[in-house]
Amino acid sequence: EVLGLDTVGPDDSFFDLGGHSLLATR
């Protein structure tokens, strides 16, 4: 939801999928 993706797997890194510090707060 936060990254705007359809699905995220249990072993996918938040930051590898485009996450950054502002999205981390969300």
PDB file of all heavy atoms in Angstrom:
ATOM      1  N   GLU A   1       0.829  -1.211   0.000  1.00  0.00           N
ATOM      2  CA  GLU A   1       0.000   0.000   0.000  1.00  0.00           C
ATOM      3  C   GLU A   1       0.859   1.255   0.000  1.00  0.00           C
ATOM      4  O   GLU A   1       0.633   2.173  -0.795  1.00  0.00           O
ATOM      5  CB  GLU A   1      -0.918  -0.007   1.214  1.00  0.00           C
ATOM      6  CG  GLU A   1      -1.823   1.209   1.282  1.00  0.00           C
ATOM      7  CD  GLU A   1      -2.702   1.220   2.515  1.00  0.00           C
ATOM      8  OE1 GLU A   1      -2.897   0.155   3.136  1.00  0.00           O
ATOM      9  OE2 GLU A   1      -3.176   2.306   2.869  1.00  0.00           O
ATOM     10  N   VAL A   2       1.847   1.303   0.853  1.00  0.00           N
ATOM     11  CA  VAL A   2       2.696   2.500   0.964  1.00  0.00           C
ATOM     12  C   VAL A   2       3.549   2.694  -0.286  1.00  0.00           C
ATOM     13  O   VAL A   2       3.737   3.818  -0.746  1.00  0.00           O
ATOM     14  CB  VAL A   2       3.576   2.414   2.232  1.00  0.00           C
ATOM     15  CG1 VAL A   2       4.652   3.481   2.236  1.00  0.00           C
ATOM     16  CG2 VAL A   2       2.713   2.536   3.481  1.00  0.00           C
ATOM     17  N   LEU A   3       4.032   1.598  -0.870  1.00  0.00           N
ATOM     18  CA  LEU A   3       4.883   1.692  -2.051  1.00  0.00           C
ATOM     19  C   LEU A   3       4.091   1.799  -3.354  1.00  0.00           C
ATOM     20  O   LEU A   3       4.669   2.023  -4.414  1.00  0.00           O
ATOM     21  CB  LEU A   3       5.824   0.479  -2.115  1.00  0.00           C
ATOM     22  CG  LEU A   3       6.872   0.406  -1.004  1.00  0.00           C
ATOM     23  CD1 LEU A   3       7.560  -0.950  -1.019  1.00  0.00           C
ATOM     24  CD2 LEU A   3       7.888   1.523  -1.167  1.00  0.00           C
ATOM     25  N   GLY A   4       2.768   1.606  -3.296  1.00  0.00           N
ATOM     26  CA  GLY A   4       1.950   1.679  -4.497  1.00  0.00           C
ATOM     27  C   GLY A   4       2.129   0.485  -5.408  1.00  0.00           C
ATOM     28  O   GLY A   4       2.031   0.605  -6.629  1.00  0.00           O
ATOM     29  N   LEU A   5       2.381  -0.682  -4.826  1.00  0.00           N
ATOM     30  CA  LEU A   5       2.568  -1.907  -5.601  1.00  0.00           C
ATOM     31  C   LEU A   5       1.372  -2.834  -5.401  1.00  0.00           C
ATOM     32  O   LEU A   5       0.640  -2.719  -4.426  1.00  0.00           O
ATOM     33  CB  LEU A   5       3.846  -2.623  -5.156  1.00  0.00           C
ATOM     34  CG  LEU A   5       5.142  -1.837  -5.310  1.00  0.00           C
ATOM     35  CD1 LEU A   5       6.296  -2.590  -4.679  1.00  0.00           C
ATOM     36  CD2 LEU A   5       5.431  -1.571  -6.779  1.00  0.00           C
ATOM     37  N   ASP A   6       1.201  -3.774  -6.331  1.00  0.00           N
ATOM     38  CA  ASP A   6       0.114  -4.745  -6.210  1.00  0.00           C
ATOM     39  C   ASP A   6       0.392  -5.737  -5.083  1.00  0.00           C
ATOM     40  O   ASP A   6      -0.480  -6.016  -4.275  1.00  0.00           O
ATOM     41  CB  ASP A   6      -0.093  -5.495  -7.523  1.00  0.00           C
ATOM     42  CG  ASP A   6      -0.616  -4.583  -8.622  1.00  0.00           C
ATOM     43  OD1 ASP A   6      -1.280  -3.583  -8.298  1.00  0.00           O
ATOM     44  OD2 ASP A   6      -0.335  -4.864  -9.798  1.00  0.00           O
ATOM     45  N   THR A   7       1.599  -6.275  -5.067  1.00  0.00           N
ATOM     46  CA  THR A   7       1.961  -7.254  -4.044  1.00  0.00           C
ATOM     47  C   THR A   7       3.410  -7.047  -3.633  1.00  0.00           C
ATOM     48  O   THR A   7       4.221  -6.523  -4.401  1.00  0.00           O
ATOM     49  CB  THR A   7       1.816  -8.704  -4.547  1.00  0.00           C
ATOM     50  OG1 THR A   7       2.665  -8.883  -5.675  1.00  0.00           O
ATOM     51  CG2 THR A   7       0.385  -9.037  -4.899  1.00  0.00           C
ATOM     52  N   VAL A   8       3.723  -7.489  -2.436  1.00  0.00           N
ATOM     53  CA  VAL A   8       5.094  -7.492  -1.926  1.00  0.00           C
ATOM     54  C   VAL A   8       5.290  -8.827  -1.234  1.00  0.00           C
ATOM     55  O   VAL A   8       4.428  -9.270  -0.474  1.00  0.00           O
ATOM     56  CB  VAL A   8       5.330  -6.327  -0.933  1.00  0.00           C
ATOM     57  CG1 VAL A   8       6.680  -6.460  -0.252  1.00  0.00           C
ATOM     58  CG2 VAL A   8       5.233  -4.989  -1.645  1.00  0.00           C
ATOM     59  N   GLY A   9       6.408  -9.482  -1.516  1.00  0.00           N
ATOM     60  CA  GLY A   9       6.710 -10.761  -0.893  1.00  0.00           C
ATOM     61  C   GLY A   9       7.355 -10.580   0.470  1.00  0.00           C
ATOM     62  O   GLY A   9       7.880  -9.509   0.779  1.00  0.00           O
ATOM     63  N   PRO A  10       7.342 -11.619   1.292  1.00  0.00           N
ATOM     64  CA  PRO A  10       7.894 -11.527   2.644  1.00  0.00           C
ATOM     65  C   PRO A  10       9.391 -11.235   2.689  1.00  0.00           C
ATOM     66  O   PRO A  10       9.881 -10.718   3.683  1.00  0.00           O
ATOM     67  CB  PRO A  10       7.611 -12.900   3.254  1.00  0.00           C
ATOM     68  CG  PRO A  10       6.620 -13.541   2.371  1.00  0.00           C
ATOM     69  CD  PRO A  10       6.717 -12.911   1.035  1.00  0.00           C
ATOM     70  N   ASP A  11      10.118 -11.555   1.620  1.00  0.00           N
ATOM     71  CA  ASP A  11      11.564 -11.349   1.615  1.00  0.00           C
ATOM     72  C   ASP A  11      11.997 -10.160   0.761  1.00  0.00           C
ATOM     73  O   ASP A  11      13.183  -9.984   0.490  1.00  0.00           O
ATOM     74  CB  ASP A  11      12.265 -12.625   1.140  1.00  0.00           C
ATOM     75  CG  ASP A  11      11.960 -13.800   2.049  1.00  0.00           C
ATOM     76  OD1 ASP A  11      11.983 -13.611   3.276  1.00  0.00           O
ATOM     77  OD2 ASP A  11      11.679 -14.896   1.540  1.00  0.00           O
ATOM     78  N   ASP A  12      11.051  -9.331   0.329  1.00  0.00           N
ATOM     79  CA  ASP A  12      11.364  -8.152  -0.479  1.00  0.00           C
ATOM     80  C   ASP A  12      11.739  -6.985   0.419  1.00  0.00           C
ATOM     81  O   ASP A  12      11.038  -6.672   1.376  1.00  0.00           O
ATOM     82  CB  ASP A  12      10.168  -7.755  -1.348  1.00  0.00           C
ATOM     83  CG  ASP A  12       9.880  -8.765  -2.430  1.00  0.00           C
ATOM     84  OD1 ASP A  12      10.834  -9.409  -2.896  1.00  0.00           O
ATOM     85  OD2 ASP A  12       8.715  -8.918  -2.805  1.00  0.00           O
ATOM     86  N   SER A  13      12.828  -6.332   0.083  1.00  0.00           N
ATOM     87  CA  SER A  13      13.308  -5.196   0.874  1.00  0.00           C
ATOM     88  C   SER A  13      12.524  -3.936   0.536  1.00  0.00           C
ATOM     89  O   SER A  13      12.333  -3.595  -0.635  1.00  0.00           O
ATOM     90  CB  SER A  13      14.793  -4.956   0.619  1.00  0.00           C
ATOM     91  OG  SER A  13      15.209  -3.760   1.254  1.00  0.00           O
ATOM     92  N   PHE A  14      12.089  -3.239   1.563  1.00  0.00           N
ATOM     93  CA  PHE A  14      11.354  -1.979   1.412  1.00  0.00           C
ATOM     94  C   PHE A  14      12.151  -0.998   0.559  1.00  0.00           C
ATOM     95  O   PHE A  14      11.611  -0.350  -0.324  1.00  0.00           O
ATOM     96  CB  PHE A  14      11.092  -1.392   2.805  1.00  0.00           C
ATOM     97  CG  PHE A  14      10.386  -0.075   2.807  1.00  0.00           C
ATOM     98  CD1 PHE A  14       9.031   0.016   2.545  1.00  0.00           C
ATOM     99  CD2 PHE A  14      11.072   1.089   3.095  1.00  0.00           C
ATOM    100  CE1 PHE A  14       8.370   1.229   2.561  1.00  0.00           C
ATOM    101  CE2 PHE A  14      10.415   2.316   3.116  1.00  0.00           C
ATOM    102  CZ  PHE A  14       9.071   2.380   2.842  1.00  0.00           C
ATOM    103  N   PHE A  15      13.442  -0.902   0.787  1.00  0.00           N
ATOM    104  CA  PHE A  15      14.272   0.083   0.093  1.00  0.00           C
ATOM    105  C   PHE A  15      14.614  -0.359  -1.325  1.00  0.00           C
ATOM    106  O   PHE A  15      14.750   0.481  -2.210  1.00  0.00           O
ATOM    107  CB  PHE A  15      15.521   0.380   0.919  1.00  0.00           C
ATOM    108  CG  PHE A  15      15.168   0.912   2.276  1.00  0.00           C
ATOM    109  CD1 PHE A  15      15.252   0.109   3.394  1.00  0.00           C
ATOM    110  CD2 PHE A  15      14.691   2.199   2.433  1.00  0.00           C
ATOM    111  CE1 PHE A  15      14.888   0.582   4.642  1.00  0.00           C
ATOM    112  CE2 PHE A  15      14.317   2.685   3.676  1.00  0.00           C
ATOM    113  CZ  PHE A  15      14.415   1.879   4.778  1.00  0.00           C
ATOM    114  N   ASP A  16      14.712  -1.655  -1.573  1.00  0.00           N
ATOM    115  CA  ASP A  16      14.948  -2.139  -2.937  1.00  0.00           C
ATOM    116  C   ASP A  16      13.735  -1.903  -3.826  1.00  0.00           C
ATOM    117  O   ASP A  16      13.863  -1.807  -5.044  1.00  0.00           O
ATOM    118  CB  ASP A  16      15.293  -3.631  -2.936  1.00  0.00           C
ATOM    119  CG  ASP A  16      16.677  -3.912  -2.377  1.00  0.00           C
ATOM    120  OD1 ASP A  16      17.452  -2.948  -2.187  1.00  0.00           O
ATOM    121  OD2 ASP A  16      16.978  -5.091  -2.111  1.00  0.00           O
ATOM    122  N   LEU A  17      12.563  -1.840  -3.227  1.00  0.00           N
ATOM    123  CA  LEU A  17      11.334  -1.618  -4.000  1.00  0.00           C
ATOM    124  C   LEU A  17      11.013  -0.137  -4.169  1.00  0.00           C
ATOM    125  O   LEU A  17       9.954   0.217  -4.659  1.00  0.00           O
ATOM    126  CB  LEU A  17      10.159  -2.328  -3.324  1.00  0.00           C
ATOM    127  CG  LEU A  17      10.231  -3.846  -3.311  1.00  0.00           C
ATOM    128  CD1 LEU A  17       9.089  -4.422  -2.486  1.00  0.00           C
ATOM    129  CD2 LEU A  17      10.199  -4.405  -4.725  1.00  0.00           C
ATOM    130  N   GLY A  18      11.923   0.737  -3.780  1.00  0.00           N
ATOM    131  CA  GLY A  18      11.726   2.169  -3.990  1.00  0.00           C
ATOM    132  C   GLY A  18      11.389   2.944  -2.736  1.00  0.00           C
ATOM    133  O   GLY A  18      11.102   4.141  -2.805  1.00  0.00           O
ATOM    134  N   GLY A  19      11.398   2.311  -1.581  1.00  0.00           N
ATOM    135  CA  GLY A  19      11.104   3.009  -0.333  1.00  0.00           C
ATOM    136  C   GLY A  19      12.223   3.953   0.059  1.00  0.00           C
ATOM    137  O   GLY A  19      13.373   3.753  -0.301  1.00  0.00           O
ATOM    138  N   HIS A  20      11.870   4.998   0.772  1.00  0.00           N
ATOM    139  CA  HIS A  20      12.845   5.956   1.291  1.00  0.00           C
ATOM    140  C   HIS A  20      12.351   6.433   2.651  1.00  0.00           C
ATOM    141  O   HIS A  20      11.312   5.989   3.140  1.00  0.00           O
ATOM    142  CB  HIS A  20      13.055   7.120   0.315  1.00  0.00           C
ATOM    143  CG  HIS A  20      11.784   7.739  -0.180  1.00  0.00           C
ATOM    144  ND1 HIS A  20      11.007   8.570   0.606  1.00  0.00           N
ATOM    145  CD2 HIS A  20      11.136   7.618  -1.360  1.00  0.00           C
ATOM    146  CE1 HIS A  20       9.947   8.954  -0.092  1.00  0.00           C
ATOM    147  NE2 HIS A  20       9.994   8.377  -1.283  1.00  0.00           N
ATOM    148  N   SER A  21      13.083   7.324   3.267  1.00  0.00           N
ATOM    149  CA  SER A  21      12.793   7.705   4.652  1.00  0.00           C
ATOM    150  C   SER A  21      11.408   8.328   4.824  1.00  0.00           C
ATOM    151  O   SER A  21      10.751   8.091   5.840  1.00  0.00           O
ATOM    152  CB  SER A  21      13.868   8.655   5.177  1.00  0.00           C
ATOM    153  OG  SER A  21      13.941   9.809   4.365  1.00  0.00           O
ATOM    154  N   LEU A  22      10.937   9.095   3.862  1.00  0.00           N
ATOM    155  CA  LEU A  22       9.600   9.692   3.986  1.00  0.00           C
ATOM    156  C   LEU A  22       8.508   8.624   3.902  1.00  0.00           C
ATOM    157  O   LEU A  22       7.534   8.660   4.655  1.00  0.00           O
ATOM    158  CB  LEU A  22       9.381  10.769   2.924  1.00  0.00           C
ATOM    159  CG  LEU A  22      10.290  11.989   3.045  1.00  0.00           C
ATOM    160  CD1 LEU A  22      10.051  12.945   1.883  1.00  0.00           C
ATOM    161  CD2 LEU A  22      10.074  12.691   4.364  1.00  0.00           C
ATOM    162  N   LEU A  23       8.686   7.668   2.996  1.00  0.00           N
ATOM    163  CA  LEU A  23       7.724   6.568   2.914  1.00  0.00           C
ATOM    164  C   LEU A  23       7.818   5.665   4.140  1.00  0.00           C
ATOM    165  O   LEU A  23       6.835   5.052   4.545  1.00  0.00           O
ATOM    166  CB  LEU A  23       7.940   5.752   1.639  1.00  0.00           C
ATOM    167  CG  LEU A  23       7.481   6.399   0.336  1.00  0.00           C
ATOM    168  CD1 LEU A  23       7.830   5.514  -0.854  1.00  0.00           C
ATOM    169  CD2 LEU A  23       6.001   6.700   0.363  1.00  0.00           C
ATOM    170  N   ALA A  24       9.006   5.604   4.746  1.00  0.00           N
ATOM    171  CA  ALA A  24       9.179   4.789   5.948  1.00  0.00           C
ATOM    172  C   ALA A  24       8.304   5.328   7.083  1.00  0.00           C
ATOM    173  O   ALA A  24       7.739   4.547   7.853  1.00  0.00           O
ATOM    174  CB  ALA A  24      10.646   4.764   6.366  1.00  0.00           C
ATOM    175  N   THR A  25       8.161   6.642   7.184  1.00  0.00           N
ATOM    176  CA  THR A  25       7.297   7.204   8.231  1.00  0.00           C
ATOM    177  C   THR A  25       5.840   6.850   7.959  1.00  0.00           C
ATOM    178  O   THR A  25       5.087   6.563   8.891  1.00  0.00           O
ATOM    179  CB  THR A  25       7.455   8.729   8.346  1.00  0.00           C
ATOM    180  OG1 THR A  25       7.151   9.336   7.098  1.00  0.00           O
ATOM    181  CG2 THR A  25       8.867   9.098   8.771  1.00  0.00           C
ATOM    182  N   ARG A  26       5.439   6.842   6.696  1.00  0.00           N
ATOM    183  CA  ARG A  26       4.071   6.434   6.351  1.00  0.00           C
ATOM    184  C   ARG A  26       3.853   4.961   6.669  1.00  0.00           C
ATOM    185  O   ARG A  26       2.789   4.575   7.167  1.00  0.00           O
ATOM    186  CB  ARG A  26       3.783   6.701   4.875  1.00  0.00           C
ATOM    187  CG  ARG A  26       3.650   8.180   4.558  1.00  0.00           C
ATOM    188  CD  ARG A  26       3.285   8.452   3.126  1.00  0.00           C
ATOM    189  NE  ARG A  26       2.050   7.793   2.768  1.00  0.00           N
ATOM    190  CZ  ARG A  26       1.719   7.507   1.520  1.00  0.00           C
ATOM    191  NH1 ARG A  26       2.514   7.827   0.525  1.00  0.00           N
ATOM    192  NH2 ARG A  26       0.581   6.899   1.259  1.00  0.00           N
TER     193      ARG A  26
END
